[in-house]
Protein backbone atom coordinates (compact mmCIF):
# COMPACT_ATOMS: atom_id res chain seq x y z
CA MET A 1 21.83 -145.60 61.36
CA ILE A 2 18.87 -147.86 60.72
CA PRO A 3 15.83 -146.07 59.12
CA ALA A 4 12.58 -147.89 59.74
CA TYR A 5 8.88 -147.62 58.53
CA ASN A 6 6.01 -149.85 58.72
CA ARG A 7 8.02 -153.08 58.10
CA THR A 8 9.66 -155.20 60.86
CA LYS A 9 9.79 -158.57 59.25
CA TYR A 10 13.51 -158.48 58.84
CA LEU A 11 14.58 -156.00 61.56
CA GLU A 12 15.77 -158.59 64.00
CA LYS A 13 18.27 -160.08 61.54
CA THR A 14 19.32 -156.53 60.57
CA LEU A 15 20.08 -155.65 64.16
CA ARG A 16 21.83 -158.94 65.06
CA SER A 17 24.01 -158.67 61.99
CA VAL A 18 25.35 -155.27 63.43
CA LEU A 19 25.45 -156.36 67.06
CA SER A 20 27.42 -159.43 66.21
CA GLN A 21 30.34 -157.16 65.24
CA ASP A 22 29.76 -154.44 67.61
CA PRO A 23 33.03 -152.73 68.62
CA GLY A 24 31.45 -150.99 71.59
CA ALA A 25 29.42 -147.94 72.31
CA ASP A 26 32.56 -145.73 72.60
CA VAL A 27 33.31 -146.68 68.98
CA MET A 28 30.04 -146.99 67.18
CA GLN A 29 26.61 -145.49 67.56
CA ILE A 30 23.71 -147.80 66.64
CA GLU A 31 20.33 -146.15 66.33
CA VAL A 32 16.97 -147.07 64.80
CA VAL A 33 15.14 -143.95 63.53
CA ASP A 34 11.34 -144.87 63.00
CA ASP A 35 9.53 -142.60 60.59
CA ALA A 36 6.28 -142.55 62.63
CA SER A 37 5.21 -146.09 61.67
CA SER A 38 1.37 -146.69 61.75
CA VAL A 39 1.74 -150.55 61.66
CA ASP A 40 4.46 -152.88 62.75
CA ASP A 41 5.92 -150.83 65.58
CA PRO A 42 9.68 -151.46 65.56
CA GLU A 43 10.41 -150.37 69.06
CA PRO A 44 9.55 -153.70 70.80
CA ILE A 45 12.07 -155.59 68.53
CA VAL A 46 14.74 -152.94 69.11
CA ARG A 47 14.31 -153.17 72.92
CA ARG A 48 14.26 -157.02 72.85
CA VAL A 49 17.10 -157.61 70.60
CA GLY A 50 19.31 -154.49 71.22
CA GLY A 51 18.50 -153.67 74.79
CA GLU A 52 20.19 -150.51 75.94
CA ARG A 53 22.87 -150.72 73.28
CA VAL A 54 20.60 -149.69 70.39
CA SER A 55 19.02 -146.28 70.73
CA PHE A 56 15.56 -145.79 69.37
CA VAL A 57 13.86 -142.59 68.20
CA ARG A 58 10.46 -142.08 66.65
CA ASN A 59 9.86 -139.05 64.40
CA PRO A 60 6.76 -136.94 65.60
CA ARG A 61 5.50 -137.22 62.10
CA ASN A 62 6.16 -139.09 58.86
CA LEU A 63 8.88 -137.45 56.93
CA GLY A 64 9.02 -139.78 53.93
CA LEU A 65 11.86 -142.06 52.66
CA MET A 66 14.57 -139.56 51.65
CA PRO A 67 13.83 -137.05 54.30
CA ASN A 68 14.32 -139.68 56.92
CA PHE A 69 17.65 -140.69 55.37
CA ASN A 70 18.68 -137.10 55.68
CA ASN A 71 17.37 -137.22 59.21
CA CYS A 72 19.59 -140.29 59.87
CA ILE A 73 22.66 -138.30 58.75
CA GLN A 74 21.74 -135.32 60.95
CA ARG A 75 21.39 -137.57 63.93
CA SER A 76 24.62 -139.47 63.35
CA GLN A 77 27.51 -138.62 65.70
CA GLY A 78 30.37 -140.60 64.17
CA PHE A 79 32.95 -139.80 61.50
CA TRP A 80 31.47 -142.33 59.22
CA VAL A 81 27.75 -142.95 58.44
CA HIS A 82 26.48 -146.33 57.49
CA ILE A 83 22.64 -146.23 56.67
CA LEU A 84 21.38 -149.75 56.82
CA HIS A 85 17.88 -150.56 55.82
CA THR A 86 15.47 -152.80 57.89
CA ASP A 87 15.50 -155.20 55.04
CA ASP A 88 19.35 -155.64 54.54
CA PHE A 89 22.16 -156.78 56.81
CA VAL A 90 25.94 -156.88 57.08
CA LEU A 91 28.06 -159.95 57.01
CA PRO A 92 30.93 -160.79 59.50
CA GLY A 93 33.93 -158.31 59.05
CA PHE A 94 32.16 -155.37 57.41
CA TYR A 95 33.04 -152.73 59.93
CA GLU A 96 36.52 -154.10 60.92
CA ARG A 97 37.63 -154.61 57.25
CA LEU A 98 36.53 -151.03 56.19
CA LYS A 99 37.97 -149.50 59.36
CA THR A 100 41.29 -151.02 58.90
CA ALA A 101 41.45 -149.92 55.31
CA LEU A 102 40.44 -146.23 55.95
CA GLU A 103 42.31 -145.52 59.17
CA HIS A 104 45.12 -143.76 57.29
CA ARG A 105 43.22 -142.43 54.25
CA SER A 106 41.84 -139.04 55.07
CA ASP A 107 41.25 -138.33 51.38
CA VAL A 108 38.64 -141.02 50.90
CA GLY A 109 34.98 -139.87 50.79
CA ALA A 110 33.18 -143.20 50.81
CA ALA A 111 33.97 -146.92 50.94
CA PHE A 112 31.90 -149.89 49.66
CA CYS A 113 32.19 -153.55 49.47
CA ARG A 114 31.00 -156.26 47.05
CA PHE A 115 27.47 -157.31 48.31
CA ALA A 116 25.08 -160.26 47.88
CA PHE A 117 21.57 -160.14 46.52
CA VAL A 118 19.38 -162.25 48.72
CA ASP A 119 15.57 -163.03 48.46
CA GLU A 120 13.05 -162.75 51.14
CA ASN A 121 14.02 -166.18 52.56
CA ASP A 122 17.81 -165.32 52.80
CA ARG A 123 18.44 -167.38 49.82
CA TRP A 124 21.65 -165.89 48.01
CA GLN A 125 20.71 -165.10 44.48
CA CYS A 126 24.06 -163.70 43.23
CA ALA A 127 26.79 -161.27 44.11
CA SER A 128 27.35 -157.74 42.74
CA GLY A 129 30.06 -157.37 40.05
CA LEU A 130 33.69 -157.51 41.02
CA GLU A 131 35.05 -153.98 40.59
CA ARG A 132 38.66 -154.89 41.13
CA PRO A 133 40.36 -157.99 42.59
CA THR A 134 42.14 -156.38 45.50
CA PRO A 135 41.06 -153.68 48.17
CA GLY A 136 41.88 -150.10 47.03
CA ILE A 137 40.73 -146.90 45.36
CA LEU A 138 38.11 -147.59 42.74
CA PRO A 139 39.66 -146.58 39.29
CA ASP A 140 37.59 -144.26 37.20
CA SER A 141 34.84 -144.20 39.96
CA ILE A 142 32.92 -141.34 38.18
CA GLY A 143 32.71 -143.32 34.91
CA LYS A 144 31.72 -146.50 36.54
CA ILE A 145 29.27 -145.29 39.08
CA GLY A 146 27.97 -142.65 36.69
CA SER A 147 27.09 -145.39 34.20
CA SER A 148 24.96 -147.76 36.45
CA VAL A 149 23.88 -148.55 39.84
CA ARG A 150 26.94 -150.47 41.29
CA ILE A 151 26.38 -149.68 45.02
CA GLN A 152 23.43 -150.42 47.37
CA PHE A 153 23.05 -148.95 50.88
CA PRO A 154 24.00 -151.73 52.99
CA SER A 155 27.33 -151.88 51.16
CA ILE A 156 28.54 -148.25 51.59
CA ALA A 157 29.74 -146.04 54.53
CA VAL A 158 30.23 -142.34 53.75
CA ARG A 159 32.34 -139.97 55.63
CA ARG A 160 30.10 -137.68 57.58
CA SER A 161 31.96 -134.41 56.53
CA VAL A 162 31.26 -135.42 52.91
CA TYR A 163 27.40 -135.41 53.47
CA GLU A 164 27.99 -132.18 55.40
CA ARG A 165 29.83 -130.53 52.45
CA LEU A 166 27.89 -132.07 49.53
CA GLY A 167 24.43 -132.00 51.21
CA GLY A 168 21.93 -134.85 51.81
CA PHE A 169 19.95 -136.93 49.47
CA ARG A 170 17.68 -135.18 46.94
CA LEU A 171 14.06 -135.07 47.81
CA ASP A 172 12.90 -134.80 44.16
CA LEU A 173 14.36 -138.27 43.33
CA PRO A 174 12.35 -140.60 45.64
CA TYR A 175 13.62 -143.77 43.96
CA ALA A 176 17.06 -142.81 42.54
CA ALA A 177 18.43 -140.38 45.05
CA ASP A 178 20.94 -142.90 46.29
CA TRP A 179 22.48 -143.25 42.78
CA GLU A 180 22.78 -139.51 42.27
CA MET A 181 24.44 -139.25 45.80
CA TRP A 182 27.10 -141.89 44.82
CA VAL A 183 27.89 -139.98 41.61
CA ARG A 184 28.11 -136.78 43.41
CA ILE A 185 30.54 -138.26 45.88
CA ALA A 186 32.63 -139.86 43.08
CA ALA A 187 32.77 -136.51 41.38
CA HIS A 188 34.40 -134.96 44.43
CA TYR A 189 36.31 -137.70 46.32
CA PRO A 190 38.37 -140.95 45.86
CA ILE A 191 36.15 -143.96 46.71
CA TRP A 192 37.43 -147.07 48.34
CA TYR A 193 36.44 -150.69 47.22
CA GLU A 194 36.56 -153.90 49.20
CA PRO A 195 36.18 -156.87 46.99
CA THR A 196 35.12 -159.22 49.72
CA THR A 197 31.24 -159.87 50.03
CA LEU A 198 30.51 -158.20 53.36
CA ALA A 199 26.84 -156.96 52.92
CA ALA A 200 23.60 -158.25 51.70
CA PHE A 201 20.88 -156.49 49.78
CA ARG A 202 17.37 -158.04 50.03
CA GLY A 203 14.86 -157.98 47.15
CA HIS A 204 11.27 -158.63 47.98
CA SER A 205 7.88 -157.76 46.80
CA ALA A 206 7.07 -155.58 49.83
CA SER A 207 9.98 -153.29 49.60
CA ALA A 208 9.80 -149.53 48.79
CA SER A 209 11.74 -150.25 45.55
CA ALA A 210 9.29 -152.91 44.49
CA ASP A 211 6.45 -150.30 44.86
CA PHE A 212 8.21 -148.02 42.55
CA ARG A 213 8.66 -150.67 39.93
CA THR A 214 5.10 -151.79 40.13
CA SER A 215 3.85 -148.32 39.44
CA GLY A 216 6.41 -147.79 36.58
CA GLU A 217 7.86 -144.67 38.50
CA ASP A 218 11.27 -146.24 38.69
CA PHE A 219 12.12 -145.59 35.12
CA ALA A 220 10.87 -141.91 35.18
CA ASP A 221 12.93 -141.34 38.30
CA LEU A 222 16.09 -143.10 36.99
CA ARG A 223 15.89 -140.71 33.97
CA ARG A 224 15.43 -137.72 36.14
CA CYS A 225 18.59 -138.98 38.09
CA ILE A 226 20.63 -139.25 34.91
CA GLU A 227 19.85 -135.79 33.81
CA VAL A 228 20.56 -134.28 37.30
CA SER A 229 23.81 -136.32 37.57
CA ARG A 230 25.20 -135.09 34.29
CA ALA A 231 26.15 -131.81 36.08
CA TRP A 232 28.72 -133.95 38.13
CA LEU A 233 30.41 -135.68 35.23
CA PRO A 234 33.46 -134.47 33.28
CA PRO A 235 32.22 -132.46 30.36
CA ASN A 236 34.38 -134.23 27.79
CA ARG A 237 32.77 -137.62 28.95
CA ALA A 238 29.36 -136.56 29.98
CA GLU A 239 27.48 -137.73 26.91
CA THR A 240 29.22 -141.19 26.82
CA ILE A 241 28.65 -141.81 30.53
CA SER A 242 25.05 -140.55 30.31
CA ARG A 243 24.20 -142.65 27.34
CA SER A 244 25.48 -145.76 29.16
CA ALA A 245 23.26 -144.67 32.21
CA ARG A 246 20.31 -144.45 29.96
CA GLU A 247 20.92 -147.92 28.59
CA PHE A 248 21.18 -149.28 32.13
CA ALA A 249 17.89 -147.58 33.16
CA CYS A 250 16.10 -149.22 30.19
CA LEU A 251 17.37 -152.62 31.03
CA ALA A 252 16.79 -152.22 34.63
CA SER A 253 13.05 -151.20 34.05
CA ILE A 254 12.13 -154.34 32.21
CA PRO A 255 12.00 -157.24 34.82
CA GLU A 256 10.62 -160.64 33.99
CA THR A 257 7.16 -159.54 35.04
CA CYS A 258 7.10 -156.46 32.70
CA PRO A 259 3.98 -156.24 30.31
CA ASP A 260 4.68 -156.87 26.70
CA ASP A 261 3.94 -153.48 25.52
CA LEU A 262 6.18 -151.90 28.09
CA VAL A 263 9.12 -154.27 27.08
CA LEU A 264 8.61 -153.25 23.42
CA ARG A 265 8.66 -149.61 24.21
CA ARG A 266 11.84 -149.85 26.31
CA VAL A 267 13.52 -151.88 23.54
CA GLU A 268 12.69 -149.17 20.94
CA GLU A 269 14.52 -146.75 23.33
CA LEU A 270 17.46 -149.11 23.52
CA ILE A 271 17.79 -149.15 19.80
CA SER A 272 18.57 -145.40 19.70
CA ILE A 273 20.50 -145.24 22.92
CA SER A 274 22.85 -148.17 21.96
CA ARG A 275 23.34 -147.39 18.21
CA PRO A 276 26.91 -146.10 18.72
CA GLY A 277 27.68 -149.42 20.40
CA PRO A 278 25.95 -150.82 23.76
CA ALA A 279 27.80 -150.62 26.95
CA SER A 280 26.31 -154.05 27.96
CA ARG A 281 26.13 -156.20 24.86
CA SER A 282 24.72 -159.11 26.87
CA GLY A 283 21.94 -157.13 28.37
CA VAL A 284 21.07 -155.39 25.19
CA ALA A 285 21.09 -158.65 23.13
CA ASN A 286 18.83 -160.39 25.79
CA ALA A 287 16.37 -157.44 25.51
CA PHE A 288 16.38 -157.86 21.77
CA LEU A 289 15.62 -161.56 22.06
CA ARG A 290 12.80 -160.86 24.53
CA ALA A 291 11.33 -158.39 21.81
CA ALA A 292 11.74 -161.20 19.31
CA GLN A 293 9.92 -163.60 21.61
CA ILE A 294 7.04 -161.15 22.00
CA HIS A 295 6.67 -160.32 18.32
CA TYR A 296 6.71 -164.07 17.42
CA ARG A 297 4.10 -164.91 20.04
CA GLN A 298 1.92 -162.18 18.73
CA GLY A 299 2.16 -163.32 15.08
CA ARG A 300 4.62 -160.75 13.79
CA ARG A 301 7.17 -163.22 12.44
CA LEU A 302 9.08 -160.74 10.32
CA ARG A 303 9.55 -158.38 13.31
CA ALA A 304 10.71 -161.30 15.40
CA LEU A 305 13.37 -162.19 12.79
CA ALA A 306 14.42 -158.50 12.72
CA PHE A 307 14.97 -158.46 16.42
CA LEU A 308 16.69 -161.90 16.47
CA ALA A 309 18.99 -160.52 13.89
CA ARG A 310 19.77 -157.41 16.07
CA ALA A 311 20.43 -159.68 18.93
CA ILE A 312 22.89 -161.77 17.01
CA ILE A 313 24.68 -158.56 15.66
CA THR A 314 24.92 -157.23 18.98
CA ARG A 315 26.35 -160.35 20.65
CA PRO A 316 26.88 -163.29 18.18
CA ILE A 317 27.14 -165.88 21.10
CA VAL A 318 23.29 -165.66 21.49
CA ALA A 319 22.74 -167.15 18.06
CA GLY A 320 22.95 -170.80 18.90
CA ARG A 321 19.85 -171.87 20.67
CA PRO A 322 17.38 -169.47 18.99
CA LEU A 323 18.66 -170.39 15.44
CA LYS A 324 18.35 -173.97 16.17
CA ARG A 325 14.75 -173.60 17.19
CA LEU A 326 13.88 -171.38 14.37
CA LEU A 327 15.18 -173.89 11.95
CA ARG A 328 13.37 -176.81 13.64
CA ARG A 329 9.94 -177.33 12.07
CA GLY A 330 7.10 -176.84 14.58
CA ALA A 331 9.04 -175.06 17.33
CA ASP A 332 6.71 -173.70 19.97
CA PRO A 333 7.48 -170.95 20.65
CA VAL A 334 10.78 -170.47 18.76
CA LEU A 335 12.26 -168.06 21.35
CA GLN A 336 10.85 -169.47 24.53
CA SER A 337 14.07 -169.67 26.40
CA SER A 338 16.12 -167.04 24.62
CA PRO A 339 15.59 -163.91 26.78
CA ASN A 340 17.94 -165.26 29.59
CA SER A 341 20.55 -166.70 27.44
CA ARG A 342 24.05 -165.63 27.84
């Protein structure tokens, strides 16, 4: 199921990635659901690339992002539902590998694979973290999925009956409803993991996610998601998992282009969140180093040293380059390259 709205730049690649591994109309439904686009009509591309094999429907009015995802679920006819955005694509073997793995697993509620992050020019940036080295049930899925965003839409297929039982995507979480959904599923069903990279998630400045990040709404929505998702967590672990999730949300909301004042506010939150011990020592240490760089650049040398010390205490391996520059007379600026050090 391919939801579309006002953006067709990558639609052809998305469609071809599916059609190249099409098992046939008697096995798989392929449908583009256009949310009443006002520009970049996707229908001509669907007809040219997919012919009669790909069905096309246009909503009579614009529903919005999450309502159209729920519309896709309602329109789906198969036992499994794969919602594939027009920005993203699947790699050879995605459907066959998951089908083979799940044929005899009636208990599994969803299955996802490792995926690649690609840019607007299809350049591979990195791969998602390896959850386990072999295919199988994801261990401690509620702890892992509840703590951070480990799944993106192109990489996951969900049993249709699971959506029917648990309900669709929440409409009050326009940015983070997918994360809440994956937590909800993990709380009720085993989740299958495929370690082969079989899907690609595209990041680019024109995406819906980028709009949320630019406006700053991403962080607020992530925090709402964490509070809502707490209801699905085991009571004896809810605080620990939620704290890790809050740490993740802080780190995820300070990209390289983030203004200095916002970085410092997020870092102050990280100090209180990670006090018992950070879930991501590397991420938190890098955030502290970034704060040190900002304070140094703005003339607050003692504050810069305090955050440098925090970074070193959090993850001692970061000490080398910043300390060498600090001790070198005339360094300009001392912490120029430290935020991305590992």
